[in-house]
Amino acid sequence: MDCKYALSGESPEAFCKYTQGERLLDTTDPDEEQHAPFKKRARARIFPGNNCRLLFKNLPNGKSNFTCNIRQTNSGTATKTSVVEKTWSVLLQSCSGLLLTLMTLLLLLEIHWL
């Protein structure tokens, strides 16, 4: 799950955390402690372009609610909640290479016929 945000001019640094209900999946804030069952399964990372990403292994079956909280050091907190469907996430992760290959093949075939 990605969570994009904009930095204010007052605060050049932001912390990102993902929660599921009251459980802390992971955070980039070193002062907060991750919920024990997620220590090896969930990672929150900030990527260039003000993008906070949750990397999660072994999603539970069904739908899961994840909440992204962005907190800037001198400002308030912004929150975004998303529902993630396990089957869709697995499909996107495992089939992206196959999809790219098929699309490239179709494009090459179109160019060949022109």
N, C-alpha and C. Protein backbone atom coordinates (compact mmCIF):
# COMPACT_ATOMS: atom_id res chain seq x y z
N MET A 1 0.85 -1.17 0.00
CA MET A 1 0.00 0.00 0.00
C MET A 1 0.89 1.23 0.00
N ASP A 2 0.58 2.19 -0.83
CA ASP A 2 1.33 3.44 -0.90
C ASP A 2 0.50 4.56 -0.30
N CYS A 3 1.20 5.49 0.31
CA CYS A 3 0.57 6.64 0.93
C CYS A 3 1.40 7.86 0.53
N LYS A 4 0.87 8.68 -0.37
CA LYS A 4 1.59 9.88 -0.81
C LYS A 4 1.21 11.06 0.08
N TYR A 5 2.17 11.95 0.27
CA TYR A 5 1.93 13.11 1.13
C TYR A 5 2.76 14.29 0.62
N ALA A 6 2.42 15.47 1.09
CA ALA A 6 3.16 16.68 0.75
C ALA A 6 3.73 17.27 2.03
N LEU A 7 4.99 17.66 1.97
CA LEU A 7 5.64 18.27 3.13
C LEU A 7 5.31 19.75 3.18
N SER A 8 5.10 20.24 4.39
CA SER A 8 4.89 21.68 4.55
C SER A 8 6.26 22.35 4.60
N GLY A 9 6.29 23.64 4.36
CA GLY A 9 7.55 24.37 4.38
C GLY A 9 8.16 24.44 5.77
N GLU A 10 7.33 24.35 6.80
CA GLU A 10 7.81 24.44 8.18
C GLU A 10 8.57 23.19 8.61
N SER A 11 8.19 22.05 8.07
CA SER A 11 8.73 20.78 8.55
C SER A 11 9.29 19.96 7.39
N PRO A 12 10.61 19.87 7.29
CA PRO A 12 11.20 19.12 6.18
C PRO A 12 11.19 17.60 6.38
N GLU A 13 10.82 17.14 7.58
CA GLU A 13 10.87 15.71 7.88
C GLU A 13 9.48 15.19 8.25
N ALA A 14 9.20 13.97 7.81
CA ALA A 14 7.92 13.34 8.14
C ALA A 14 8.15 11.91 8.61
N PHE A 15 7.27 11.46 9.49
CA PHE A 15 7.27 10.07 9.94
C PHE A 15 6.00 9.42 9.43
N CYS A 16 6.11 8.17 9.06
CA CYS A 16 5.00 7.42 8.51
C CYS A 16 4.76 6.20 9.38
N LYS A 17 3.48 5.90 9.64
CA LYS A 17 3.18 4.65 10.34
C LYS A 17 1.92 4.04 9.78
N TYR A 18 1.89 2.72 9.79
CA TYR A 18 0.74 1.95 9.33
C TYR A 18 0.17 1.19 10.51
N THR A 19 -1.15 1.26 10.65
CA THR A 19 -1.83 0.53 11.71
C THR A 19 -2.95 -0.31 11.12
N GLN A 20 -3.34 -1.31 11.88
CA GLN A 20 -4.50 -2.13 11.56
C GLN A 20 -5.30 -2.19 12.85
N GLY A 21 -6.33 -1.36 12.92
CA GLY A 21 -7.05 -1.21 14.19
C GLY A 21 -6.14 -0.51 15.18
N GLU A 22 -5.92 -1.12 16.33
CA GLU A 22 -5.03 -0.54 17.35
C GLU A 22 -3.60 -1.06 17.23
N ARG A 23 -3.37 -2.02 16.34
CA ARG A 23 -2.05 -2.64 16.23
C ARG A 23 -1.15 -1.86 15.28
N LEU A 24 0.06 -1.60 15.73
CA LEU A 24 1.04 -0.89 14.91
C LEU A 24 1.77 -1.91 14.04
N LEU A 25 1.57 -1.81 12.72
CA LEU A 25 2.25 -2.72 11.79
C LEU A 25 3.72 -2.35 11.68
N ASP A 26 4.01 -1.09 11.35
CA ASP A 26 5.38 -0.59 11.33
C ASP A 26 5.36 0.92 11.21
N THR A 27 6.49 1.52 11.54
CA THR A 27 6.62 2.97 11.50
C THR A 27 8.05 3.35 11.16
N THR A 28 8.22 4.54 10.63
CA THR A 28 9.56 5.07 10.40
C THR A 28 10.04 5.89 11.59
N ASP A 29 9.19 6.07 12.58
CA ASP A 29 9.53 6.81 13.80
C ASP A 29 10.26 5.88 14.76
N PRO A 30 11.53 6.16 15.07
CA PRO A 30 12.29 5.26 15.95
C PRO A 30 11.78 5.24 17.40
N ASP A 31 10.95 6.20 17.79
CA ASP A 31 10.44 6.25 19.16
C ASP A 31 9.24 5.35 19.40
N GLU A 32 8.64 4.80 18.35
CA GLU A 32 7.48 3.92 18.51
C GLU A 32 7.90 2.47 18.28
N GLU A 33 7.26 1.55 19.03
CA GLU A 33 7.61 0.14 18.93
C GLU A 33 6.57 -0.62 18.12
N GLN A 34 7.06 -1.46 17.23
CA GLN A 34 6.21 -2.26 16.35
C GLN A 34 5.55 -3.39 17.15
N HIS A 35 4.28 -3.70 16.81
CA HIS A 35 3.54 -4.80 17.42
C HIS A 35 4.29 -6.11 17.12
N ALA A 36 4.57 -6.92 18.12
CA ALA A 36 5.45 -8.09 18.01
C ALA A 36 5.14 -9.04 16.85
N PRO A 37 3.88 -9.44 16.60
CA PRO A 37 3.64 -10.40 15.51
C PRO A 37 3.99 -9.88 14.11
N PHE A 38 4.18 -8.58 13.96
CA PHE A 38 4.45 -8.01 12.64
C PHE A 38 5.93 -7.68 12.41
N LYS A 39 6.80 -7.99 13.38
CA LYS A 39 8.21 -7.59 13.26
C LYS A 39 8.89 -8.15 12.02
N LYS A 40 8.55 -9.35 11.60
CA LYS A 40 9.20 -9.94 10.42
C LYS A 40 8.29 -9.93 9.20
N ARG A 41 7.08 -9.39 9.34
CA ARG A 41 6.11 -9.44 8.24
C ARG A 41 5.82 -8.09 7.60
N ALA A 42 5.98 -7.00 8.34
CA ALA A 42 5.59 -5.68 7.82
C ALA A 42 6.74 -4.69 7.92
N ARG A 43 6.91 -3.89 6.87
CA ARG A 43 7.92 -2.84 6.84
C ARG A 43 7.32 -1.58 6.23
N ALA A 44 7.51 -0.47 6.90
CA ALA A 44 7.12 0.83 6.36
C ALA A 44 8.39 1.56 5.94
N ARG A 45 8.40 2.06 4.73
CA ARG A 45 9.56 2.76 4.19
C ARG A 45 9.10 4.02 3.47
N ILE A 46 9.94 5.05 3.54
CA ILE A 46 9.67 6.29 2.80
C ILE A 46 10.55 6.27 1.55
N PHE A 47 9.92 6.45 0.40
CA PHE A 47 10.60 6.45 -0.89
C PHE A 47 10.62 7.87 -1.45
N PRO A 48 11.52 8.15 -2.40
CA PRO A 48 11.56 9.48 -3.01
C PRO A 48 10.21 9.86 -3.60
N GLY A 49 9.94 11.14 -3.57
CA GLY A 49 8.66 11.64 -4.07
C GLY A 49 7.60 11.67 -2.98
N ASN A 50 8.03 11.68 -1.70
CA ASN A 50 7.11 11.72 -0.56
C ASN A 50 6.08 10.59 -0.62
N ASN A 51 6.59 9.39 -0.73
CA ASN A 51 5.74 8.21 -0.83
C ASN A 51 6.12 7.24 0.29
N CYS A 52 5.17 6.94 1.16
CA CYS A 52 5.39 5.97 2.22
C CYS A 52 4.73 4.66 1.78
N ARG A 53 5.49 3.58 1.83
CA ARG A 53 5.00 2.29 1.33
C ARG A 53 5.03 1.24 2.44
N LEU A 54 3.95 0.48 2.53
CA LEU A 54 3.88 -0.66 3.44
C LEU A 54 4.17 -1.92 2.64
N LEU A 55 5.20 -2.64 3.06
CA LEU A 55 5.54 -3.93 2.47
C LEU A 55 5.09 -4.98 3.48
N PHE A 56 4.17 -5.85 3.08
CA PHE A 56 3.54 -6.78 4.03
C PHE A 56 3.58 -8.19 3.46
N LYS A 57 4.11 -9.13 4.24
CA LYS A 57 4.17 -10.54 3.83
C LYS A 57 3.01 -11.30 4.45
N ASN A 58 2.49 -12.26 3.71
CA ASN A 58 1.44 -13.16 4.20
C ASN A 58 0.19 -12.42 4.67
N LEU A 59 -0.45 -11.75 3.74
CA LEU A 59 -1.72 -11.08 4.06
C LEU A 59 -2.74 -12.10 4.52
N PRO A 60 -3.56 -11.76 5.50
CA PRO A 60 -4.63 -12.68 5.91
C PRO A 60 -5.68 -12.78 4.80
N ASN A 61 -6.42 -13.89 4.80
CA ASN A 61 -7.49 -14.07 3.80
C ASN A 61 -8.57 -13.02 3.99
N GLY A 62 -9.22 -12.66 2.89
CA GLY A 62 -10.29 -11.67 2.96
C GLY A 62 -9.76 -10.27 2.82
N LYS A 63 -10.55 -9.32 3.30
CA LYS A 63 -10.19 -7.91 3.20
C LYS A 63 -9.57 -7.44 4.51
N SER A 64 -8.60 -6.54 4.39
CA SER A 64 -7.93 -5.98 5.56
C SER A 64 -7.94 -4.47 5.46
N ASN A 65 -8.17 -3.79 6.58
CA ASN A 65 -8.11 -2.34 6.65
C ASN A 65 -6.74 -1.92 7.16
N PHE A 66 -6.07 -1.08 6.41
CA PHE A 66 -4.80 -0.53 6.83
C PHE A 66 -4.93 0.99 6.88
N THR A 67 -4.39 1.60 7.91
CA THR A 67 -4.43 3.05 8.06
C THR A 67 -3.01 3.59 8.01
N CYS A 68 -2.81 4.58 7.16
CA CYS A 68 -1.52 5.25 7.04
C CYS A 68 -1.62 6.59 7.76
N ASN A 69 -0.69 6.85 8.65
CA ASN A 69 -0.62 8.12 9.36
C ASN A 69 0.69 8.80 9.01
N ILE A 70 0.61 10.03 8.54
CA ILE A 70 1.79 10.83 8.25
C ILE A 70 1.85 11.94 9.29
N ARG A 71 2.97 12.01 10.00
CA ARG A 71 3.14 13.05 11.01
C ARG A 71 4.41 13.83 10.70
N GLN A 72 4.25 15.14 10.58
CA GLN A 72 5.41 15.99 10.39
C GLN A 72 5.85 16.52 11.74
N THR A 73 7.15 16.71 11.90
CA THR A 73 7.69 17.06 13.21
C THR A 73 7.10 18.35 13.78
N ASN A 74 6.84 19.34 12.96
CA ASN A 74 6.32 20.61 13.46
C ASN A 74 4.86 20.85 13.10
N SER A 75 4.19 19.85 12.54
CA SER A 75 2.82 20.04 12.08
C SER A 75 1.91 18.96 12.64
N GLY A 76 0.72 18.88 12.09
CA GLY A 76 -0.26 17.89 12.52
C GLY A 76 -0.06 16.54 11.84
N THR A 77 -1.09 15.70 11.97
CA THR A 77 -1.06 14.35 11.41
C THR A 77 -2.15 14.20 10.36
N ALA A 78 -1.82 13.54 9.26
CA ALA A 78 -2.81 13.22 8.22
C ALA A 78 -3.02 11.71 8.20
N THR A 79 -4.25 11.27 7.95
CA THR A 79 -4.59 9.86 7.99
C THR A 79 -5.27 9.43 6.70
N LYS A 80 -4.95 8.21 6.24
CA LYS A 80 -5.58 7.62 5.06
C LYS A 80 -5.83 6.15 5.36
N THR A 81 -7.06 5.67 5.14
CA THR A 81 -7.39 4.27 5.37
C THR A 81 -7.75 3.62 4.05
N SER A 82 -7.22 2.40 3.83
CA SER A 82 -7.51 1.66 2.61
C SER A 82 -7.87 0.22 2.94
N VAL A 83 -8.77 -0.34 2.14
CA VAL A 83 -9.13 -1.75 2.26
C VAL A 83 -8.36 -2.51 1.19
N VAL A 84 -7.63 -3.54 1.60
CA VAL A 84 -6.82 -4.32 0.67
C VAL A 84 -7.39 -5.72 0.59
N GLU A 85 -7.61 -6.19 -0.63
CA GLU A 85 -8.11 -7.55 -0.87
C GLU A 85 -6.91 -8.44 -1.15
N LYS A 86 -6.77 -9.54 -0.39
CA LYS A 86 -5.60 -10.40 -0.53
C LYS A 86 -5.44 -10.93 -1.95
N THR A 87 -6.49 -11.42 -2.55
CA THR A 87 -6.36 -12.03 -3.87
C THR A 87 -5.86 -11.02 -4.89
N TRP A 88 -6.33 -9.79 -4.82
CA TRP A 88 -5.89 -8.76 -5.76
C TRP A 88 -4.42 -8.42 -5.52
N SER A 89 -3.98 -8.33 -4.25
CA SER A 89 -2.60 -8.02 -3.94
C SER A 89 -1.66 -9.11 -4.44
N VAL A 90 -2.03 -10.36 -4.23
CA VAL A 90 -1.20 -11.48 -4.69
C VAL A 90 -1.12 -11.47 -6.20
N LEU A 91 -2.23 -11.20 -6.86
CA LEU A 91 -2.25 -11.15 -8.32
C LEU A 91 -1.31 -10.07 -8.83
N LEU A 92 -1.34 -8.90 -8.22
CA LEU A 92 -0.47 -7.81 -8.67
C LEU A 92 1.00 -8.13 -8.43
N GLN A 93 1.31 -8.78 -7.30
CA GLN A 93 2.70 -9.08 -6.97
C GLN A 93 3.25 -10.21 -7.83
N SER A 94 2.48 -11.26 -8.05
CA SER A 94 3.02 -12.44 -8.71
C SER A 94 2.87 -12.41 -10.22
N CYS A 95 1.93 -11.67 -10.75
CA CYS A 95 1.67 -11.72 -12.19
C CYS A 95 2.17 -10.50 -12.94
N SER A 96 2.84 -9.59 -12.29
CA SER A 96 3.26 -8.38 -12.99
C SER A 96 4.28 -8.70 -14.08
N GLY A 97 5.19 -9.63 -13.84
CA GLY A 97 6.17 -10.02 -14.85
C GLY A 97 5.52 -10.66 -16.05
N LEU A 98 4.55 -11.53 -15.81
CA LEU A 98 3.82 -12.19 -16.89
C LEU A 98 3.03 -11.18 -17.71
N LEU A 99 2.37 -10.25 -17.02
CA LEU A 99 1.60 -9.22 -17.71
C LEU A 99 2.51 -8.35 -18.57
N LEU A 100 3.66 -7.96 -18.04
CA LEU A 100 4.61 -7.15 -18.80
C LEU A 100 5.10 -7.91 -20.04
N THR A 101 5.38 -9.20 -19.88
CA THR A 101 5.83 -10.01 -21.01
C THR A 101 4.77 -10.10 -22.09
N LEU A 102 3.52 -10.35 -21.70
CA LEU A 102 2.44 -10.44 -22.67
C LEU A 102 2.21 -9.13 -23.41
N MET A 103 2.25 -8.02 -22.66
CA MET A 103 2.03 -6.72 -23.30
C MET A 103 3.16 -6.40 -24.27
N THR A 104 4.40 -6.74 -23.90
CA THR A 104 5.53 -6.50 -24.79
C THR A 104 5.42 -7.36 -26.04
N LEU A 105 5.02 -8.61 -25.87
CA LEU A 105 4.84 -9.50 -27.02
C LEU A 105 3.78 -8.97 -27.97
N LEU A 106 2.65 -8.52 -27.42
CA LEU A 106 1.59 -7.96 -28.27
C LEU A 106 2.07 -6.72 -29.01
N LEU A 107 2.81 -5.87 -28.32
CA LEU A 107 3.34 -4.66 -28.95
C LEU A 107 4.30 -5.02 -30.08
N LEU A 108 5.17 -6.00 -29.86
CA LEU A 108 6.11 -6.41 -30.90
C LEU A 108 5.39 -7.03 -32.10
N LEU A 109 4.34 -7.79 -31.84
CA LEU A 109 3.57 -8.38 -32.93
C LEU A 109 2.87 -7.31 -33.75
N GLU A 110 2.36 -6.28 -33.09
CA GLU A 110 1.72 -5.17 -33.82
C GLU A 110 2.72 -4.45 -34.70
N ILE A 111 3.91 -4.21 -34.17
CA ILE A 111 4.94 -3.52 -34.95
C ILE A 111 5.35 -4.37 -36.14
N HIS A 112 5.43 -5.67 -35.94
CA HIS A 112 5.83 -6.58 -37.02
C HIS A 112 4.82 -6.56 -38.17
N TRP A 113 3.53 -6.45 -37.85
CA TRP A 113 2.49 -6.49 -38.88
C TRP A 113 2.35 -5.16 -39.62
N LEU A 114 2.93 -4.10 -39.11
CA LEU A 114 2.82 -2.79 -39.78
C LEU A 114 3.72 -2.67 -40.94
